[in-house]
């Protein structure tokens, strides 16, 4: 049974410059940050925001969201339960950036891999 098919769950939206996140219903309108009025980035259903004081973790979140990826644990319909890998530390992010530069693989694809060399 599809998890997201019958109930419309709120998505996480994040403002990287303010280092805050909100849950909003997805819609056709652009969600804006109430603090700085910048557009919020859609972070997906399973985003766990780091603490506001943790600047290093927010730089990783900014890189993942900037690459166009979202934090999703389910497939779009909710059937698959394979959580997608996303880097959580700057060391993981750095390793994937280096591997993407060496192999010519797009960074967005490399950020989704558990092993950057594999």
N, C-alpha and C. Protein backbone atom coordinates (compact mmCIF):
# COMPACT_ATOMS: atom_id res chain seq x y z
N UNK A 1 0.84 -1.17 0.00
CA UNK A 1 0.00 0.00 0.00
C UNK A 1 0.88 1.23 0.00
N UNK A 2 0.50 2.22 -0.74
CA UNK A 2 1.28 3.45 -0.86
C UNK A 2 1.10 4.32 0.39
N UNK A 3 2.22 4.67 1.01
CA UNK A 3 2.16 5.46 2.23
C UNK A 3 1.69 6.87 1.97
N UNK A 4 2.17 7.49 0.92
CA UNK A 4 1.86 8.90 0.66
C UNK A 4 0.67 9.07 -0.27
N UNK A 5 -0.02 8.01 -0.63
CA UNK A 5 -1.09 8.12 -1.61
C UNK A 5 -2.39 8.65 -1.02
N UNK A 6 -2.71 8.32 0.22
CA UNK A 6 -4.01 8.66 0.78
C UNK A 6 -3.98 9.88 1.70
N UNK A 7 -2.86 10.16 2.30
CA UNK A 7 -2.73 11.30 3.21
C UNK A 7 -1.72 12.26 2.61
N UNK A 8 -2.04 13.53 2.63
CA UNK A 8 -1.11 14.55 2.11
C UNK A 8 -0.28 15.08 3.28
N UNK A 9 0.91 14.54 3.40
CA UNK A 9 1.80 14.94 4.47
C UNK A 9 2.47 16.25 4.14
N UNK A 10 2.85 16.97 5.19
CA UNK A 10 3.61 18.20 5.00
C UNK A 10 5.05 17.85 4.65
N UNK A 11 5.67 18.72 3.89
CA UNK A 11 7.09 18.56 3.54
C UNK A 11 7.92 19.50 4.40
N UNK A 12 9.17 19.15 4.57
CA UNK A 12 10.10 20.03 5.28
C UNK A 12 10.65 21.04 4.29
N UNK A 13 10.68 22.28 4.68
CA UNK A 13 11.29 23.36 3.91
C UNK A 13 12.34 24.01 4.79
N UNK A 14 13.48 24.35 4.21
CA UNK A 14 14.59 24.89 4.99
C UNK A 14 15.09 26.20 4.40
N UNK A 15 15.46 27.10 5.28
CA UNK A 15 16.17 28.33 4.90
C UNK A 15 17.61 28.15 5.39
N UNK A 16 18.51 27.99 4.47
CA UNK A 16 19.90 27.69 4.82
C UNK A 16 20.59 28.92 5.41
N UNK A 17 20.26 30.10 4.93
CA UNK A 17 20.93 31.29 5.45
C UNK A 17 20.52 31.59 6.89
N UNK A 18 19.27 31.31 7.26
CA UNK A 18 18.81 31.51 8.63
C UNK A 18 19.01 30.27 9.50
N UNK A 19 19.28 29.13 8.85
CA UNK A 19 19.48 27.84 9.51
C UNK A 19 18.24 27.42 10.32
N UNK A 20 17.08 27.48 9.65
CA UNK A 20 15.84 27.03 10.27
C UNK A 20 15.04 26.21 9.25
N UNK A 21 14.12 25.40 9.76
CA UNK A 21 13.28 24.61 8.86
C UNK A 21 11.84 24.66 9.36
N UNK A 22 10.93 24.44 8.42
CA UNK A 22 9.50 24.47 8.69
C UNK A 22 8.85 23.32 7.95
N UNK A 23 7.66 22.92 8.40
CA UNK A 23 6.85 21.95 7.68
C UNK A 23 5.69 22.70 7.07
N UNK A 24 5.52 22.53 5.77
CA UNK A 24 4.46 23.21 5.04
C UNK A 24 3.81 22.22 4.08
N UNK A 25 2.56 22.47 3.76
CA UNK A 25 1.90 21.67 2.73
C UNK A 25 2.47 22.06 1.38
N UNK A 26 2.77 21.09 0.52
CA UNK A 26 3.26 21.45 -0.82
C UNK A 26 2.14 22.11 -1.60
N UNK A 27 2.52 23.09 -2.39
CA UNK A 27 1.54 23.78 -3.20
C UNK A 27 2.18 24.45 -4.38
N UNK A 28 1.38 25.19 -5.10
CA UNK A 28 1.88 25.89 -6.28
C UNK A 28 2.58 27.18 -5.92
N UNK A 29 2.40 27.66 -4.70
CA UNK A 29 3.02 28.92 -4.30
C UNK A 29 4.42 28.68 -3.75
N UNK A 30 5.25 29.69 -3.85
CA UNK A 30 6.61 29.64 -3.32
C UNK A 30 6.55 29.97 -1.84
N UNK A 31 7.09 29.10 -0.99
CA UNK A 31 7.13 29.35 0.44
C UNK A 31 8.33 30.24 0.73
N UNK A 32 8.14 31.23 1.58
CA UNK A 32 9.22 32.15 1.92
C UNK A 32 9.54 32.06 3.40
N UNK A 33 10.75 32.38 3.72
CA UNK A 33 11.22 32.38 5.11
C UNK A 33 10.60 33.56 5.84
N UNK A 34 10.03 33.35 7.02
CA UNK A 34 9.46 34.47 7.76
C UNK A 34 10.50 35.41 8.35
N UNK A 35 11.75 34.98 8.43
CA UNK A 35 12.79 35.83 9.01
C UNK A 35 13.46 36.71 7.96
N UNK A 36 13.80 36.14 6.79
CA UNK A 36 14.56 36.90 5.80
C UNK A 36 13.83 37.07 4.47
N UNK A 37 12.66 36.47 4.33
CA UNK A 37 11.82 36.55 3.12
C UNK A 37 12.47 35.92 1.89
N UNK A 38 13.48 35.10 2.09
CA UNK A 38 14.09 34.36 0.98
C UNK A 38 13.24 33.12 0.71
N UNK A 39 13.29 32.59 -0.52
CA UNK A 39 12.52 31.37 -0.79
C UNK A 39 13.08 30.19 -0.01
N UNK A 40 12.18 29.37 0.52
CA UNK A 40 12.58 28.16 1.25
C UNK A 40 12.87 27.04 0.27
N UNK A 41 13.84 26.21 0.59
CA UNK A 41 14.20 25.06 -0.24
C UNK A 41 13.46 23.84 0.28
N UNK A 42 12.87 23.09 -0.61
CA UNK A 42 12.14 21.88 -0.23
C UNK A 42 13.17 20.81 0.14
N UNK A 43 13.07 20.30 1.38
CA UNK A 43 14.04 19.32 1.87
C UNK A 43 13.49 17.91 1.88
N UNK A 44 12.21 17.71 1.58
CA UNK A 44 11.65 16.37 1.52
C UNK A 44 10.88 15.98 2.76
N UNK A 45 10.42 14.75 2.76
CA UNK A 45 9.60 14.24 3.87
C UNK A 45 10.43 13.90 5.11
N UNK A 46 11.65 13.42 4.93
CA UNK A 46 12.42 12.86 6.05
C UNK A 46 13.64 13.70 6.42
N UNK A 47 13.55 14.98 6.30
CA UNK A 47 14.66 15.87 6.65
C UNK A 47 14.71 16.05 8.16
N UNK A 48 15.87 15.88 8.73
CA UNK A 48 16.10 16.14 10.15
C UNK A 48 17.07 17.30 10.24
N UNK A 49 16.56 18.45 10.60
CA UNK A 49 17.39 19.66 10.62
C UNK A 49 18.42 19.59 11.74
N UNK A 50 19.65 19.97 11.44
CA UNK A 50 20.65 20.04 12.52
C UNK A 50 20.36 21.22 13.44
N UNK A 51 21.02 21.26 14.56
CA UNK A 51 20.85 22.39 15.47
C UNK A 51 21.26 23.68 14.77
N UNK A 52 20.62 24.72 15.17
CA UNK A 52 20.88 26.01 14.53
C UNK A 52 22.32 26.48 14.74
N UNK A 53 22.91 26.11 15.86
CA UNK A 53 24.29 26.53 16.16
C UNK A 53 25.34 25.70 15.42
N UNK A 54 24.93 24.59 14.79
CA UNK A 54 25.87 23.70 14.10
C UNK A 54 26.05 24.16 12.65
N UNK A 55 26.94 25.11 12.46
CA UNK A 55 27.17 25.69 11.13
C UNK A 55 27.75 24.69 10.15
N UNK A 56 28.59 23.80 10.62
CA UNK A 56 29.22 22.81 9.73
C UNK A 56 28.17 21.87 9.13
N UNK A 57 27.23 21.43 9.95
CA UNK A 57 26.18 20.55 9.44
C UNK A 57 25.29 21.29 8.45
N UNK A 58 25.04 22.57 8.68
CA UNK A 58 24.20 23.34 7.76
C UNK A 58 24.90 23.58 6.42
N UNK A 59 26.25 23.60 6.40
CA UNK A 59 26.94 23.72 5.11
C UNK A 59 26.74 22.46 4.29
N UNK A 60 26.68 21.31 4.94
CA UNK A 60 26.41 20.05 4.24
C UNK A 60 24.98 20.04 3.71
N UNK A 61 24.04 20.49 4.53
CA UNK A 61 22.64 20.58 4.10
C UNK A 61 22.52 21.52 2.91
N UNK A 62 23.22 22.64 2.94
CA UNK A 62 23.19 23.60 1.83
C UNK A 62 23.73 22.97 0.55
N UNK A 63 24.78 22.17 0.66
CA UNK A 63 25.34 21.52 -0.53
C UNK A 63 24.38 20.48 -1.09
N UNK A 64 23.74 19.71 -0.23
CA UNK A 64 22.81 18.67 -0.69
C UNK A 64 21.59 19.31 -1.34
N UNK A 65 21.01 20.30 -0.69
CA UNK A 65 19.83 20.96 -1.25
C UNK A 65 20.18 21.78 -2.49
N UNK A 66 21.39 22.35 -2.50
CA UNK A 66 21.84 23.10 -3.66
C UNK A 66 22.06 22.23 -4.89
N UNK A 67 22.35 20.95 -4.66
CA UNK A 67 22.52 20.01 -5.77
C UNK A 67 21.18 19.52 -6.31
N UNK A 68 20.10 19.94 -5.66
CA UNK A 68 18.77 19.55 -6.13
C UNK A 68 18.26 18.26 -5.52
N UNK A 69 18.91 17.77 -4.48
CA UNK A 69 18.48 16.54 -3.83
C UNK A 69 17.58 16.86 -2.65
N UNK A 70 16.79 15.86 -2.26
CA UNK A 70 15.93 15.99 -1.09
C UNK A 70 16.17 14.82 -0.16
N UNK A 71 15.79 14.97 1.08
CA UNK A 71 15.91 13.91 2.07
C UNK A 71 14.62 13.10 2.06
N UNK A 72 14.64 11.98 1.36
CA UNK A 72 13.47 11.12 1.23
C UNK A 72 13.83 9.72 1.69
N UNK A 73 12.98 9.12 2.50
CA UNK A 73 13.18 7.74 2.93
C UNK A 73 12.31 6.78 2.16
N UNK A 74 11.31 7.30 1.47
CA UNK A 74 10.40 6.49 0.67
C UNK A 74 10.52 6.90 -0.78
N UNK A 75 10.01 6.06 -1.65
CA UNK A 75 9.86 6.47 -3.04
C UNK A 75 8.78 7.54 -3.09
N UNK A 76 8.58 8.15 -4.22
CA UNK A 76 7.61 9.24 -4.34
C UNK A 76 6.20 8.79 -3.96
N UNK A 77 5.84 7.56 -4.27
CA UNK A 77 4.50 7.08 -3.92
C UNK A 77 4.46 6.50 -2.51
N UNK A 78 5.61 6.22 -1.90
CA UNK A 78 5.66 5.69 -0.55
C UNK A 78 5.79 4.19 -0.47
N UNK A 79 5.91 3.52 -1.60
CA UNK A 79 5.96 2.05 -1.60
C UNK A 79 7.33 1.53 -1.14
N UNK A 80 8.39 2.04 -1.71
CA UNK A 80 9.73 1.57 -1.38
C UNK A 80 10.20 2.13 -0.06
N UNK A 81 10.83 1.30 0.75
CA UNK A 81 11.28 1.73 2.06
C UNK A 81 12.80 1.82 2.14
N UNK A 82 13.48 1.97 1.06
CA UNK A 82 14.93 2.09 1.07
C UNK A 82 15.30 3.55 1.30
N UNK A 83 15.88 3.88 2.46
CA UNK A 83 16.26 5.28 2.67
C UNK A 83 17.41 5.67 1.75
N UNK A 84 17.33 6.85 1.21
CA UNK A 84 18.37 7.36 0.33
C UNK A 84 19.52 7.91 1.18
N UNK A 85 20.75 7.65 0.74
CA UNK A 85 21.91 8.15 1.46
C UNK A 85 22.10 9.63 1.16
N UNK A 86 22.41 10.39 2.17
CA UNK A 86 22.82 11.79 2.03
C UNK A 86 23.98 12.01 2.99
N UNK A 87 25.02 12.72 2.58
CA UNK A 87 26.14 12.96 3.49
C UNK A 87 25.69 13.79 4.69
N UNK A 88 26.26 13.48 5.84
CA UNK A 88 25.90 14.19 7.06
C UNK A 88 27.06 15.02 7.61
N UNK A 89 28.29 14.70 7.19
CA UNK A 89 29.45 15.43 7.69
C UNK A 89 30.19 16.09 6.53
N UNK A 90 31.03 17.05 6.89
CA UNK A 90 31.81 17.73 5.85
C UNK A 90 32.84 16.80 5.23
N UNK A 91 33.33 15.83 5.99
CA UNK A 91 34.29 14.87 5.44
C UNK A 91 33.62 14.00 4.36
N UNK A 92 32.40 13.56 4.61
CA UNK A 92 31.67 12.79 3.60
C UNK A 92 31.40 13.64 2.37
N UNK A 93 31.05 14.89 2.57
CA UNK A 93 30.80 15.80 1.45
C UNK A 93 32.08 16.02 0.64
N UNK A 94 33.19 16.24 1.32
CA UNK A 94 34.47 16.48 0.65
C UNK A 94 34.89 15.27 -0.16
N UNK A 95 34.72 14.06 0.40
CA UNK A 95 35.09 12.84 -0.33
C UNK A 95 34.27 12.69 -1.60
N UNK A 96 33.00 13.03 -1.55
CA UNK A 96 32.15 12.90 -2.73
C UNK A 96 32.44 13.98 -3.77
N UNK A 97 32.81 15.16 -3.32
CA UNK A 97 33.20 16.21 -4.27
C UNK A 97 34.47 15.84 -5.01
N UNK A 98 35.44 15.29 -4.28
CA UNK A 98 36.70 14.88 -4.90
C UNK A 98 36.45 13.74 -5.89
N UNK A 99 35.65 12.75 -5.49
CA UNK A 99 35.36 11.63 -6.38
C UNK A 99 34.59 12.08 -7.62
N UNK A 100 33.69 13.05 -7.46
CA UNK A 100 32.94 13.56 -8.61
C UNK A 100 33.87 14.29 -9.57
N UNK A 101 34.82 15.04 -9.05
CA UNK A 101 35.77 15.76 -9.91
C UNK A 101 36.69 14.80 -10.65
N UNK A 102 37.11 13.74 -9.96
CA UNK A 102 38.03 12.77 -10.59
C UNK A 102 37.36 11.94 -11.67
N UNK A 103 36.12 11.52 -11.41
CA UNK A 103 35.46 10.61 -12.34
C UNK A 103 34.60 11.33 -13.38
N UNK A 104 34.30 12.59 -13.16
CA UNK A 104 33.45 13.31 -14.08
C UNK A 104 31.97 13.04 -13.86
N UNK A 105 31.64 12.38 -12.77
CA UNK A 105 30.24 12.10 -12.42
C UNK A 105 29.61 13.37 -11.87
N UNK A 106 28.35 13.64 -12.20
CA UNK A 106 27.69 14.82 -11.62
C UNK A 106 27.65 14.74 -10.09
N UNK A 107 27.79 15.87 -9.45
CA UNK A 107 27.85 15.92 -7.99
C UNK A 107 26.55 15.41 -7.37
N UNK A 108 25.41 15.70 -7.97
CA UNK A 108 24.14 15.25 -7.41
C UNK A 108 24.07 13.72 -7.37
N UNK A 109 24.60 13.07 -8.38
CA UNK A 109 24.61 11.61 -8.39
C UNK A 109 25.58 11.06 -7.36
N UNK A 110 26.72 11.71 -7.22
CA UNK A 110 27.74 11.25 -6.28
C UNK A 110 27.29 11.45 -4.82
N UNK A 111 26.50 12.49 -4.55
CA UNK A 111 26.03 12.73 -3.19
C UNK A 111 25.04 11.65 -2.73
N UNK A 112 24.41 10.96 -3.65
CA UNK A 112 23.48 9.91 -3.30
C UNK A 112 24.10 8.54 -3.11
N UNK A 113 25.39 8.42 -3.33
CA UNK A 113 26.07 7.13 -3.20
C UNK A 113 26.61 6.94 -1.79
N UNK A 114 26.46 5.72 -1.28
CA UNK A 114 27.02 5.40 0.04
C UNK A 114 28.53 5.38 -0.03
N UNK A 115 29.07 4.74 -1.07
CA UNK A 115 30.51 4.66 -1.25
C UNK A 115 30.87 5.51 -2.47
N UNK A 116 31.62 6.60 -2.28
CA UNK A 116 31.93 7.45 -3.44
C UNK A 116 32.84 6.80 -4.46
N UNK A 117 33.60 5.79 -4.06
CA UNK A 117 34.53 5.15 -4.98
C UNK A 117 33.88 3.97 -5.71
N UNK A 118 32.73 3.53 -5.26
CA UNK A 118 32.09 2.34 -5.83
C UNK A 118 31.06 2.63 -6.87
